[in-house]
C-alpha cells in the first residue's frame, strides 16, 4: 500500500528538523533516503525551500575538508534541489554568486563540476509534481542521466536516456514525446516518414493514461517507485 500523507508540526520546528538532517547528512553512509526526505519536506512545505538553499550554501562555504565526502554530500543534495525547486529571486542571485565563487576557487574540483551542473539545471527547472525517485537521486549524485525503458507495440523495449527536465513535449510529427525520446522511438518503430502522431502512455495496475505534453518523465518514473 502507498504511504499516507506525512504529518508536520510548526514551520519553525520543521526547519530545525531539516537543519538536523543536514548535519546528519555529512556523515551518512547511505545519504539517498535522507536526501529524498529533505526534498519531500520542501515539496510539502514550500516556504522551507529558500531555507534549505541557504543552509546548503552555508555548509558548502569554507568547509573543513573541501571535496571530502561530507562536503560532496551537501553538493549532491544541492544538485537534487536545483533539479526540483527554484529558490526565490534574492536567494537565486545569492546561490549563483556562490556557484561562481566555487568554480573560481576550485576550477578543476568535483565541487566546481557540481556547481556547473547546478547552474545549468537552474536554467531548466520549473518545479516538480513529485520529488526525485531514489534512482534519480543516485544518477544526479553522479551528474548523469536516467535510463527510461519505453515499451513499444510490436517492437522490443527501447531504453532512452532522460534528464530531470525531460518533458513529453509535442513536436510537429510526434505528439507527447520529448525530442530525444521521439527520435529514438520513431527510429525503432520505422515511423520516420509517417505523418501519424505518437503518444506515450503510463500504465499501472490501476490505470492507463497518456502522458501530458508538459509532464516531466522523471515524475512519471517517481510515481512508479
C-alpha atoms as a PDB file:
ATOM      1  CA  UNK A   1       0.000   0.000   0.000  1.00  0.00           C
ATOM      2  CA  UNK A   2       1.088   3.574  -0.635  1.00  0.00           C
ATOM      3  CA  UNK A   3       2.288   5.520   2.391  1.00  0.00           C
ATOM      4  CA  UNK A   4      -0.167   8.014   3.836  1.00  0.00           C
ATOM      5  CA  UNK A   5       0.404  11.766   3.849  1.00  0.00           C
ATOM      6  CA  UNK A   6       3.154  12.985   6.132  1.00  0.00           C
ATOM      7  CA  UNK A   7       2.200  14.970   9.213  1.00  0.00           C
ATOM      8  CA  UNK A   8       4.107  18.137  10.085  1.00  0.00           C
ATOM      9  CA  UNK A   9       4.489  20.373  13.107  1.00  0.00           C
ATOM     10  CA  UNK A  10       5.032  24.156  13.105  1.00  0.00           C
ATOM     11  CA  UNK A  11       7.143  25.530  10.275  1.00  0.00           C
ATOM     12  CA  UNK A  12       9.886  26.649  12.650  1.00  0.00           C
ATOM     13  CA  UNK A  13      10.076  23.147  14.154  1.00  0.00           C
ATOM     14  CA  UNK A  14      10.290  21.579  10.715  1.00  0.00           C
ATOM     15  CA  UNK A  15      13.127  23.968   9.814  1.00  0.00           C
ATOM     16  CA  UNK A  16      15.025  22.773  12.893  1.00  0.00           C
ATOM     17  CA  UNK A  17      14.420  19.140  11.895  1.00  0.00           C
ATOM     18  CA  UNK A  18      15.774  19.832   8.425  1.00  0.00           C
ATOM     19  CA  UNK A  19      18.843  21.502   9.889  1.00  0.00           C
ATOM     20  CA  UNK A  20      19.460  18.379  11.995  1.00  0.00           C
ATOM     21  CA  UNK A  21      19.020  16.230   8.879  1.00  0.00           C
ATOM     22  CA  UNK A  22      21.663  18.270   7.081  1.00  0.00           C
ATOM     23  CA  UNK A  23      24.050  17.792   9.982  1.00  0.00           C
ATOM     24  CA  UNK A  24      23.419  14.050   9.828  1.00  0.00           C
ATOM     25  CA  UNK A  25      23.928  14.040   6.056  1.00  0.00           C
ATOM     26  CA  UNK A  26      27.599  14.904   6.420  1.00  0.00           C
ATOM     27  CA  UNK A  27      28.466  11.508   7.955  1.00  0.00           C
ATOM     28  CA  UNK A  28      25.675   9.387   6.453  1.00  0.00           C
ATOM     29  CA  UNK A  29      26.936   6.265   4.680  1.00  0.00           C
ATOM     30  CA  UNK A  30      23.798   5.983   2.538  1.00  0.00           C
ATOM     31  CA  UNK A  31      22.603   9.589   2.074  1.00  0.00           C
ATOM     32  CA  UNK A  32      19.948   8.879  -0.589  1.00  0.00           C
ATOM     33  CA  UNK A  33      16.902   8.232   1.681  1.00  0.00           C
ATOM     34  CA  UNK A  34      17.814  11.217   3.840  1.00  0.00           C
ATOM     35  CA  UNK A  35      18.109  13.427   0.769  1.00  0.00           C
ATOM     36  CA  UNK A  36      14.739  12.262  -0.501  1.00  0.00           C
ATOM     37  CA  UNK A  37      13.199  13.018   2.896  1.00  0.00           C
ATOM     38  CA  UNK A  38      14.555  16.583   2.810  1.00  0.00           C
ATOM     39  CA  UNK A  39      13.225  17.050  -0.723  1.00  0.00           C
ATOM     40  CA  UNK A  40       9.799  15.697   0.244  1.00  0.00           C
ATOM     41  CA  UNK A  41       9.548  18.108   3.174  1.00  0.00           C
ATOM     42  CA  UNK A  42      10.422  21.013   0.876  1.00  0.00           C
ATOM     43  CA  UNK A  43       7.785  19.872  -1.631  1.00  0.00           C
ATOM     44  CA  UNK A  44       5.153  19.658   1.107  1.00  0.00           C
ATOM     45  CA  UNK A  45       6.257  22.895   2.800  1.00  0.00           C
ATOM     46  CA  UNK A  46       7.382  25.336   0.053  1.00  0.00           C
ATOM     47  CA  UNK A  47       8.384  28.128   2.494  1.00  0.00           C
ATOM     48  CA  UNK A  48      11.311  25.900   3.542  1.00  0.00           C
ATOM     49  CA  UNK A  49      12.837  25.748   0.059  1.00  0.00           C
ATOM     50  CA  UNK A  50      14.760  29.021   0.475  1.00  0.00           C
ATOM     51  CA  UNK A  51      15.804  27.952   3.981  1.00  0.00           C
ATOM     52  CA  UNK A  52      17.394  24.736   2.699  1.00  0.00           C
ATOM     53  CA  UNK A  53      19.117  26.515  -0.185  1.00  0.00           C
ATOM     54  CA  UNK A  54      20.644  29.000   2.264  1.00  0.00           C
ATOM     55  CA  UNK A  55      21.674  26.215   4.640  1.00  0.00           C
ATOM     56  CA  UNK A  56      23.370  24.296   1.821  1.00  0.00           C
ATOM     57  CA  UNK A  57      25.208  27.389   0.600  1.00  0.00           C
ATOM     58  CA  UNK A  58      26.417  27.918   4.161  1.00  0.00           C
ATOM     59  CA  UNK A  59      27.533  24.290   4.529  1.00  0.00           C
ATOM     60  CA  UNK A  60      29.471  24.376   1.235  1.00  0.00           C
ATOM     61  CA  UNK A  61      31.211  27.686   2.004  1.00  0.00           C
ATOM     62  CA  UNK A  62      34.626  27.264   3.658  1.00  0.00           C
ATOM     63  CA  UNK A  63      34.019  23.592   4.591  1.00  0.00           C
ATOM     64  CA  UNK A  64      36.588  21.931   6.901  1.00  0.00           C
ATOM     65  CA  UNK A  65      37.529  19.444   4.160  1.00  0.00           C
ATOM     66  CA  UNK A  66      36.740  20.842   0.687  1.00  0.00           C
ATOM     67  CA  UNK A  67      35.902  17.992  -1.656  1.00  0.00           C
ATOM     68  CA  UNK A  68      35.635  15.479   1.197  1.00  0.00           C
ATOM     69  CA  UNK A  69      32.772  13.009   1.483  1.00  0.00           C
ATOM     70  CA  UNK A  70      30.721  15.204   3.792  1.00  0.00           C
ATOM     71  CA  UNK A  71      31.207  18.270   1.606  1.00  0.00           C
ATOM     72  CA  UNK A  72      30.228  16.352  -1.527  1.00  0.00           C
ATOM     73  CA  UNK A  73      27.061  15.057   0.155  1.00  0.00           C
ATOM     74  CA  UNK A  74      25.981  18.677   0.566  1.00  0.00           C
ATOM     75  CA  UNK A  75      26.799  19.425  -3.059  1.00  0.00           C
ATOM     76  CA  UNK A  76      24.846  16.352  -4.130  1.00  0.00           C
ATOM     77  CA  UNK A  77      21.767  17.463  -2.188  1.00  0.00           C
ATOM     78  CA  UNK A  78      22.175  20.943  -3.663  1.00  0.00           C
ATOM     79  CA  UNK A  79      22.200  19.281  -7.090  1.00  0.00           C
ATOM     80  CA  UNK A  80      18.935  17.470  -6.314  1.00  0.00           C
ATOM     81  CA  UNK A  81      17.393  20.697  -5.013  1.00  0.00           C
ATOM     82  CA  UNK A  82      18.335  22.532  -8.204  1.00  0.00           C
ATOM     83  CA  UNK A  83      16.556  19.894 -10.307  1.00  0.00           C
ATOM     84  CA  UNK A  84      13.417  20.055  -8.158  1.00  0.00           C
ATOM     85  CA  UNK A  85      12.839  23.612  -6.887  1.00  0.00           C
ATOM     86  CA  UNK A  86      13.647  27.168  -7.894  1.00  0.00           C
ATOM     87  CA  UNK A  87      14.528  29.462  -4.991  1.00  0.00           C
ATOM     88  CA  UNK A  88      13.154  32.991  -4.731  1.00  0.00           C
ATOM     89  CA  UNK A  89      14.976  35.618  -6.871  1.00  0.00           C
ATOM     90  CA  UNK A  90      17.115  37.012  -3.999  1.00  0.00           C
ATOM     91  CA  UNK A  91      18.229  33.526  -2.939  1.00  0.00           C
ATOM     92  CA  UNK A  92      18.807  32.567  -6.580  1.00  0.00           C
ATOM     93  CA  UNK A  93      21.188  35.524  -7.020  1.00  0.00           C
ATOM     94  CA  UNK A  94      22.988  34.533  -3.813  1.00  0.00           C
ATOM     95  CA  UNK A  95      23.223  30.928  -4.981  1.00  0.00           C
ATOM     96  CA  UNK A  96      24.615  31.870  -8.397  1.00  0.00           C
ATOM     97  CA  UNK A  97      27.262  34.019  -6.734  1.00  0.00           C
ATOM     98  CA  UNK A  98      28.203  31.015  -4.582  1.00  0.00           C
ATOM     99  CA  UNK A  99      28.455  28.770  -7.667  1.00  0.00           C
ATOM    100  CA  UNK A 100      30.655  31.295  -9.483  1.00  0.00           C
ATOM    101  CA  UNK A 101      32.888  31.680  -6.430  1.00  0.00           C
ATOM    102  CA  UNK A 102      33.292  27.911  -6.064  1.00  0.00           C
ATOM    103  CA  UNK A 103      34.232  27.432  -9.717  1.00  0.00           C
ATOM    104  CA  UNK A 104      36.724  30.288  -9.454  1.00  0.00           C
ATOM    105  CA  UNK A 105      38.383  28.973  -6.287  1.00  0.00           C
ATOM    106  CA  UNK A 106      38.380  25.244  -7.182  1.00  0.00           C
ATOM    107  CA  UNK A 107      38.293  25.202 -11.013  1.00  0.00           C
ATOM    108  CA  UNK A 108      39.124  21.521 -11.555  1.00  0.00           C
ATOM    109  CA  UNK A 109      37.447  20.063  -8.461  1.00  0.00           C
ATOM    110  CA  UNK A 110      34.344  17.941  -8.042  1.00  0.00           C
ATOM    111  CA  UNK A 111      32.716  20.931  -6.342  1.00  0.00           C
ATOM    112  CA  UNK A 112      33.224  23.012  -9.480  1.00  0.00           C
ATOM    113  CA  UNK A 113      31.674  20.254 -11.595  1.00  0.00           C
ATOM    114  CA  UNK A 114      28.632  20.187  -9.328  1.00  0.00           C
ATOM    115  CA  UNK A 115      28.454  23.989  -9.431  1.00  0.00           C
ATOM    116  CA  UNK A 116      28.433  23.933 -13.241  1.00  0.00           C
ATOM    117  CA  UNK A 117      25.760  21.218 -13.299  1.00  0.00           C
ATOM    118  CA  UNK A 118      23.604  23.123 -10.795  1.00  0.00           C
ATOM    119  CA  UNK A 119      23.825  26.357 -12.779  1.00  0.00           C
ATOM    120  CA  UNK A 120      22.628  24.593 -15.913  1.00  0.00           C
ATOM    121  CA  UNK A 121      19.836  22.834 -14.005  1.00  0.00           C
ATOM    122  CA  UNK A 122      18.543  26.089 -12.538  1.00  0.00           C
ATOM    123  CA  UNK A 123      18.018  27.378 -16.066  1.00  0.00           C
ATOM    124  CA  UNK A 124      15.694  24.455 -16.839  1.00  0.00           C
ATOM    125  CA  UNK A 125      13.869  23.717 -13.573  1.00  0.00           C
ATOM    126  CA  UNK A 126      10.226  24.784 -13.468  1.00  0.00           C
ATOM    127  CA  UNK A 127       9.008  22.828 -10.440  1.00  0.00           C
ATOM    128  CA  UNK A 128       8.176  19.201  -9.840  1.00  0.00           C
ATOM    129  CA  UNK A 129       4.991  17.279  -9.169  1.00  0.00           C
ATOM    130  CA  UNK A 130       6.992  14.632  -7.293  1.00  0.00           C
ATOM    131  CA  UNK A 131      10.368  14.637  -5.619  1.00  0.00           C
ATOM    132  CA  UNK A 132      13.107  12.686  -7.416  1.00  0.00           C
ATOM    133  CA  UNK A 133      12.927   8.924  -7.070  1.00  0.00           C
ATOM    134  CA  UNK A 134      15.716   7.048  -5.297  1.00  0.00           C
ATOM    135  CA  UNK A 135      17.076   6.057  -8.705  1.00  0.00           C
ATOM    136  CA  UNK A 136      17.014   9.642  -9.933  1.00  0.00           C
ATOM    137  CA  UNK A 137      18.836  10.862  -6.839  1.00  0.00           C
ATOM    138  CA  UNK A 138      21.547   8.273  -7.423  1.00  0.00           C
ATOM    139  CA  UNK A 139      22.137   9.403 -11.005  1.00  0.00           C
ATOM    140  CA  UNK A 140      22.022  13.076 -10.011  1.00  0.00           C
ATOM    141  CA  UNK A 141      24.719  12.392  -7.430  1.00  0.00           C
ATOM    142  CA  UNK A 142      26.856  11.258 -10.370  1.00  0.00           C
ATOM    143  CA  UNK A 143      25.642  14.105 -12.635  1.00  0.00           C
ATOM    144  CA  UNK A 144      24.279  11.586 -15.102  1.00  0.00           C
ATOM    145  CA  UNK A 145      21.030  10.904 -16.927  1.00  0.00           C
ATOM    146  CA  UNK A 146      18.475   8.206 -16.126  1.00  0.00           C
ATOM    147  CA  UNK A 147      17.669   5.334 -18.436  1.00  0.00           C
ATOM    148  CA  UNK A 148      13.954   5.249 -19.206  1.00  0.00           C
ATOM    149  CA  UNK A 149      12.536   1.992 -20.600  1.00  0.00           C
ATOM    150  CA  UNK A 150       9.689   2.501 -23.085  1.00  0.00           C
ATOM    151  CA  UNK A 151       7.613  -0.494 -24.184  1.00  0.00           C
ATOM    152  CA  UNK A 152       6.819  -0.173 -27.875  1.00  0.00           C
ATOM    153  CA  UNK A 153       3.900  -2.018 -29.547  1.00  0.00           C
ATOM    154  CA  UNK A 154       5.131  -4.787 -31.777  1.00  0.00           C
ATOM    155  CA  UNK A 155       8.762  -4.000 -31.011  1.00  0.00           C
ATOM    156  CA  UNK A 156      11.304  -4.659 -28.263  1.00  0.00           C
ATOM    157  CA  UNK A 157      11.601  -2.288 -25.345  1.00  0.00           C
ATOM    158  CA  UNK A 158      13.509   0.887 -26.022  1.00  0.00           C
ATOM    159  CA  UNK A 159      15.936   2.324 -23.481  1.00  0.00           C
ATOM    160  CA  UNK A 160      16.279   6.105 -23.689  1.00  0.00           C
ATOM    161  CA  UNK A 161      18.384   8.464 -21.582  1.00  0.00           C
ATOM    162  CA  UNK A 162      16.397  11.285 -19.972  1.00  0.00           C
ATOM    163  CA  UNK A 163      17.219  14.091 -17.560  1.00  0.00           C
ATOM    164  CA  UNK A 164      15.261  15.541 -14.663  1.00  0.00           C
ATOM    165  CA  UNK A 165      13.961  18.191 -17.076  1.00  0.00           C
ATOM    166  CA  UNK A 166      12.816  15.985 -19.971  1.00  0.00           C
ATOM    167  CA  UNK A 167       9.152  16.681 -20.699  1.00  0.00           C
ATOM    168  CA  UNK A 168       6.732  14.939 -23.021  1.00  0.00           C
ATOM    169  CA  UNK A 169       6.559  17.958 -25.306  1.00  0.00           C
ATOM    170  CA  UNK A 170       4.786  17.851 -28.658  1.00  0.00           C
ATOM    171  CA  UNK A 171       6.745  18.183 -31.875  1.00  0.00           C
ATOM    172  CA  UNK A 172       5.416  18.688 -35.431  1.00  0.00           C
ATOM    173  CA  UNK A 173       5.306  14.979 -36.216  1.00  0.00           C
ATOM    174  CA  UNK A 174       5.363  13.267 -32.841  1.00  0.00           C
ATOM    175  CA  UNK A 175       2.920  14.167 -30.064  1.00  0.00           C
ATOM    176  CA  UNK A 176       3.566  13.885 -26.332  1.00  0.00           C
ATOM    177  CA  UNK A 177       7.180  12.791 -26.702  1.00  0.00           C
ATOM    178  CA  UNK A 178      10.306  14.712 -25.804  1.00  0.00           C
ATOM    179  CA  UNK A 179      12.714  15.314 -28.720  1.00  0.00           C
ATOM    180  CA  UNK A 180      15.350  12.785 -27.660  1.00  0.00           C
ATOM    181  CA  UNK A 181      12.734  10.158 -26.806  1.00  0.00           C
ATOM    182  CA  UNK A 182      10.890  10.872 -30.057  1.00  0.00           C
ATOM    183  CA  UNK A 183      13.955  10.427 -32.246  1.00  0.00           C
ATOM    184  CA  UNK A 184      14.803   7.085 -30.671  1.00  0.00           C
ATOM    185  CA  UNK A 185      11.271   5.691 -30.734  1.00  0.00           C
ATOM    186  CA  UNK A 186      10.451   6.873 -34.254  1.00  0.00           C
ATOM    187  CA  UNK A 187      13.644   5.237 -35.492  1.00  0.00           C
ATOM    188  CA  UNK A 188      12.921   1.960 -33.659  1.00  0.00           C
ATOM    189  CA  UNK A 189       9.349   1.812 -34.978  1.00  0.00           C
ATOM    190  CA  UNK A 190      10.249   2.791 -38.532  1.00  0.00           C
ATOM    191  CA  UNK A 191       7.978   5.852 -38.448  1.00  0.00           C
ATOM    192  CA  UNK A 192      10.432   8.494 -39.605  1.00  0.00           C
ATOM    193  CA  UNK A 193       8.384   9.171 -42.759  1.00  0.00           C
ATOM    194  CA  UNK A 194       4.988   8.710 -41.135  1.00  0.00           C
ATOM    195  CA  UNK A 195       2.614  11.706 -40.657  1.00  0.00           C
ATOM    196  CA  UNK A 196       0.911   9.889 -37.771  1.00  0.00           C
ATOM    197  CA  UNK A 197       1.129  11.088 -34.197  1.00  0.00           C
ATOM    198  CA  UNK A 198       2.765   9.022 -31.482  1.00  0.00           C
ATOM    199  CA  UNK A 199       1.808   9.163 -27.811  1.00  0.00           C
ATOM    200  CA  UNK A 200       3.480   7.994 -24.621  1.00  0.00           C
ATOM    201  CA  UNK A 201       1.279   6.213 -22.100  1.00  0.00           C
ATOM    202  CA  UNK A 202       1.934   5.383 -18.490  1.00  0.00           C
ATOM    203  CA  UNK A 203       0.386   2.145 -17.330  1.00  0.00           C
ATOM    204  CA  UNK A 204      -0.001   0.770 -13.823  1.00  0.00           C
ATOM    205  CA  UNK A 205      -2.191  -1.904 -12.256  1.00  0.00           C
ATOM    206  CA  UNK A 206      -4.957   0.645 -11.682  1.00  0.00           C
ATOM    207  CA  UNK A 207      -4.882   2.894 -14.717  1.00  0.00           C
ATOM    208  CA  UNK A 208      -3.583   3.615 -18.171  1.00  0.00           C
ATOM    209  CA  UNK A 209      -3.390   7.177 -19.430  1.00  0.00           C
ATOM    210  CA  UNK A 210      -1.496   9.276 -21.971  1.00  0.00           C
ATOM    211  CA  UNK A 211       1.396  11.329 -20.644  1.00  0.00           C
ATOM    212  CA  UNK A 212       0.517  15.033 -20.891  1.00  0.00           C
ATOM    213  CA  UNK A 213       2.627  17.283 -23.077  1.00  0.00           C
ATOM    214  CA  UNK A 214       4.130  19.231 -20.146  1.00  0.00           C
ATOM    215  CA  UNK A 215       4.606  16.238 -17.842  1.00  0.00           C
ATOM    216  CA  UNK A 216       8.130  15.581 -16.623  1.00  0.00           C
ATOM    217  CA  UNK A 217       9.028  11.993 -17.411  1.00  0.00           C
ATOM    218  CA  UNK A 218      11.023  11.825 -14.173  1.00  0.00           C
ATOM    219  CA  UNK A 219       7.789  12.455 -12.260  1.00  0.00           C
ATOM    220  CA  UNK A 220       6.163   9.541 -14.092  1.00  0.00           C
ATOM    221  CA  UNK A 221       9.033   7.278 -13.013  1.00  0.00           C
ATOM    222  CA  UNK A 222       8.760   8.502  -9.410  1.00  0.00           C
ATOM    223  CA  UNK A 223       5.074   7.569  -9.314  1.00  0.00           C
ATOM    224  CA  UNK A 224       6.029   4.028 -10.304  1.00  0.00           C
ATOM    225  CA  UNK A 225       8.585   3.880  -7.495  1.00  0.00           C
END
